[in-house]
Amino acid sequence: MADNKKTPTSKPAAKRASKSSSTTKKSTSKGSKKTVKPTAKRSFMRKTWSVFWKFSLAVFIAMAMYFIYLDSKTTRIFEGNKWQLPAQVYARSMEFYPGQFLSSQEVVFELERLHYSSVNRLSRTGQFVKTADSIKIYRRDFEFYDGLEESHIIELRFAGQKVATIKDKFGRRVNSARLEPVQIARIGNDSKQDREFVPLDKFPAMLKDTLLVVEDRDFYEHHGVSVFSILRALYSNIKAGRTVQGGSTLTQQLAKNIYLTRERSLVRKINEAFIALILDYRYSKDQILEAYLNEVYLGQSYNQGIHGMGLASDFYFSKPVDELEYDQIALLVAMVKGPSYYNPRRYKERTMERRDLVLRLMVENKLLSTKEYRASLDRPIDIAPMKASLQKSYPGYLELVNRELNKLLPDQQTLDAGVRVFTYFDLQKQTAMEESIEKSLPYLENRPRTEKLEAAMISVNVEKGGVSALVAGRDVRYSGFNRVLDTKRNIGSLVKPAVYLTALQLPHYNLATLLDDSPVQVTNEQGKVWQPENFDHQYRGAIPLYKAFSNSINIPAVNLGLDVGVDKVVNTLKGLGATGAIDEYPSLLLGAVEMSSFEVAQLYTTIAADGEYKKLTAISALTDSVGKVLYKHEVNAEPRFDKSAMYMTKYAMKRVTKDGTAKRLNLHFPSIQLAGKTGTSNDSRDSWFAGFDQNTVTVAWLGRDDNKSTGLTGSVGALEAYIRYLKPLNPQAIADTRPPSIRWAFVNEQTGKQAPPGCGKVIQLPLRASEFEPRPQCIR
């Protein structure tokens, strides 16, 4: 019942509730339009901030990672090998000692090649004063392979063609002195950039101060990037209506030059600023300034960019950077703004205007006095002549140096790290050799049947086996085929000293031994007959050994060689230094063996050194960029022949130049004892001469590349080149170092036996002491 009563009343209630609920929903809906709006904004801001914060964090992490990358790259390069430094190749240094055969003219020649200035009074390094019998030199400092020698003053006094005394700046006598060597080449750098690294303390203070005044006055104040400099440059550019000033600091310029490309973009400028900040944080100002001074681009030499103030000083003024005058410093700093636009060789007028502006800044900033300013302003722009590319200066010699370098330092990275190469190169000998070839060949080609001559010539220091000069062909600047090293030709009569030396080592042969000069035939195993002839087609019968040698008569040499054995002659050639294969044919006795001029020089150096073998080399020492010795040539003199036999062989070679096939030498140098041997191959295809004085062996070859006849014998062609080569030099007579086993004796040329003076046709010759007869009989 109760349930029945409640049922009808519940529906209206439900309806009321439903209405009430509906009313509530509407009111709530209306209210929501007013209260939900700020909540949604807060939610949106919250989401936006979250995205921004995450994006910023990502950007920060990316920038941090990039900054870390830049930092790693910057430090790795800056602390490693910032540049590929070329190997610097030096000639031998000129050394002095009392009693030395050396003229004052030779010393002046060397000083001029080192760009020393002749003055009336010494005031700085790089100067010399010459009087009638003395030269006073203010020598530069130099890091030799055996240590640093500081700059100092030396005085040389001469007595004729000799050094009489050497004194230091206090007038005290010293036993020796030397000049720094001439740099003859810079090789091994394929980066198209060339520079000569100079430590910061070697740059003159005036150069450093001027650079900072002009390029970055706040260098020691800013942190790599200068906002003040940027604003100042912006103001100046707006005021001028064009770009007249840059806002980059030296540190930014360095960052751009070492690490970045020349691309003009915002990204590059940002990278430049980042790297500048890293450099400034990581390194001292002095380290950055040193790097900049060695990096800055200052011009072009053929295909090589000139980088750094050190190399630029030599390139434009032919002097070290620490010897620059004020106007020269101003010019180099002026060129920093634009080396091509302010090229002093092409645009002197505009370059002078820029230089004068720098000079004005120097005096305004109290770097120069008014007097110094005016004096510098009055100086013209005096630029050294454009040098030939150093790689092309001495191509033949440098080819030999390169081949030796590839064996000693096969790692190219080592070569690109500023290796210093010290050689035995002698600039005076090289100059004389080049002039000889350039004059001799046209002169000889005036002869009938003589044309298209080529040449090869090499000189060697006897004491150390060091190659002192080398010309690889007619064109002395041509860097192609090297005829000294690679042309192998029959050596003709240059083989004869080996034939005679082989015999003179045997007890039954001496210089007076009579040899048979009559026709000879040799039949080989195949039945072929070889019948050699004398050059003049004459036969003399019995002839003394020394005379057959000095006149280069073929048949006595063949008979002698057959007697001692061709195989023994081959052994002698190998003992002298021959390394190639040599066939043991009888024709070898007249030079039917192919050798290069370099190989012939090795043979004759052993002879000139009294039978001591010294392997030929161009390089004397190698050091790295900080002076550590990487290699030093140790002279290993290996005695290979009997001293008596060698003395007699050298005597016969002296007779060649006195009254034999090279007697023309005696006409040109009558008071100087020289020795040598002429050589001519079949049909005069090859003209040879090998000669030496006390210190130097020289081999000359003239021929044609097509191996046709030249029409020249050795005594006409190659000897002409040798004579012209010696004339400007100061050759020394060969010292008579007679061993105790040799005695001088009178010998009868008809009998080949000792004889008293006046007994027929006698001559005094060196013989073995064991053969010497105190009281010889006169046998006619």
Foldseek 3Di string as FASTA:
>chain_A
DVVVVVVVVVVVVVVVVVVVVVVVVVVVVVVCVVPCVVVVVVVVVVVVVVVVVVVVVVVVVVVVVVLVVLLVVLCVCLVDPLFQAFAWEWAAWDKAFAFDQAAPVLVVVQLVLLVADEDCDDDAASYWHDDPFKIKHQADWDQDLVGIDHTFIKMFGHDVRGTHFIAGPVRDTDGMDTHDTRTQATDLDPPLAYFDQDALVLADPLLLVLLCLPANVCLQPDQQADPVLQVVQVVVCVVVVHRDDDSGHLLLVLCCQRPHDPDDDPVSSVSSSSSSNSCSVPDPSSSSSSSSQGAQFAQHQVSHTYGHPQSVCCQWPVDGNNPDQNLRSLLRSLRSVPNVVLVCVPCVVVSLVSSLVSLVSCVVVVVDPPVSSVVSNPDGRDTDPGDDHSCQRQQLLVVQVVVVCCVLPVDSSQSSQHKYFYWNADVLLQVLLLVLLQPQQVVLCVDPLADQKKKWKWKAWLVFLGTHYIAQISPRRDNPDRQQAPPWDQFFLLLLLLLQLLVLQDQVDAQLDWFAFDWDWDADPVRDIDTDAFPVRDTDGTFGNLQCLLAVGQPRLLRSCVVSALVSSVVSLVLLPDDDDDDSDSCVSRRPGIDHNQSSLSSVSCLLNQQWHWHHGTTAWMAGPVSHTSDGDDTDTHRDGDNLSSLRSQVSQQSNCCPYLNVVNCVLVVPAGKGWDWGADPLRQKTWIWIAAQTMIMIMIMHHPVSHHNPDTNNGRRSSSVSSSCVVDSGHHHDNPDDPQKDKFKAASVVSHGDDPPLHDIDIGIDGPVRDDPHDYRDD
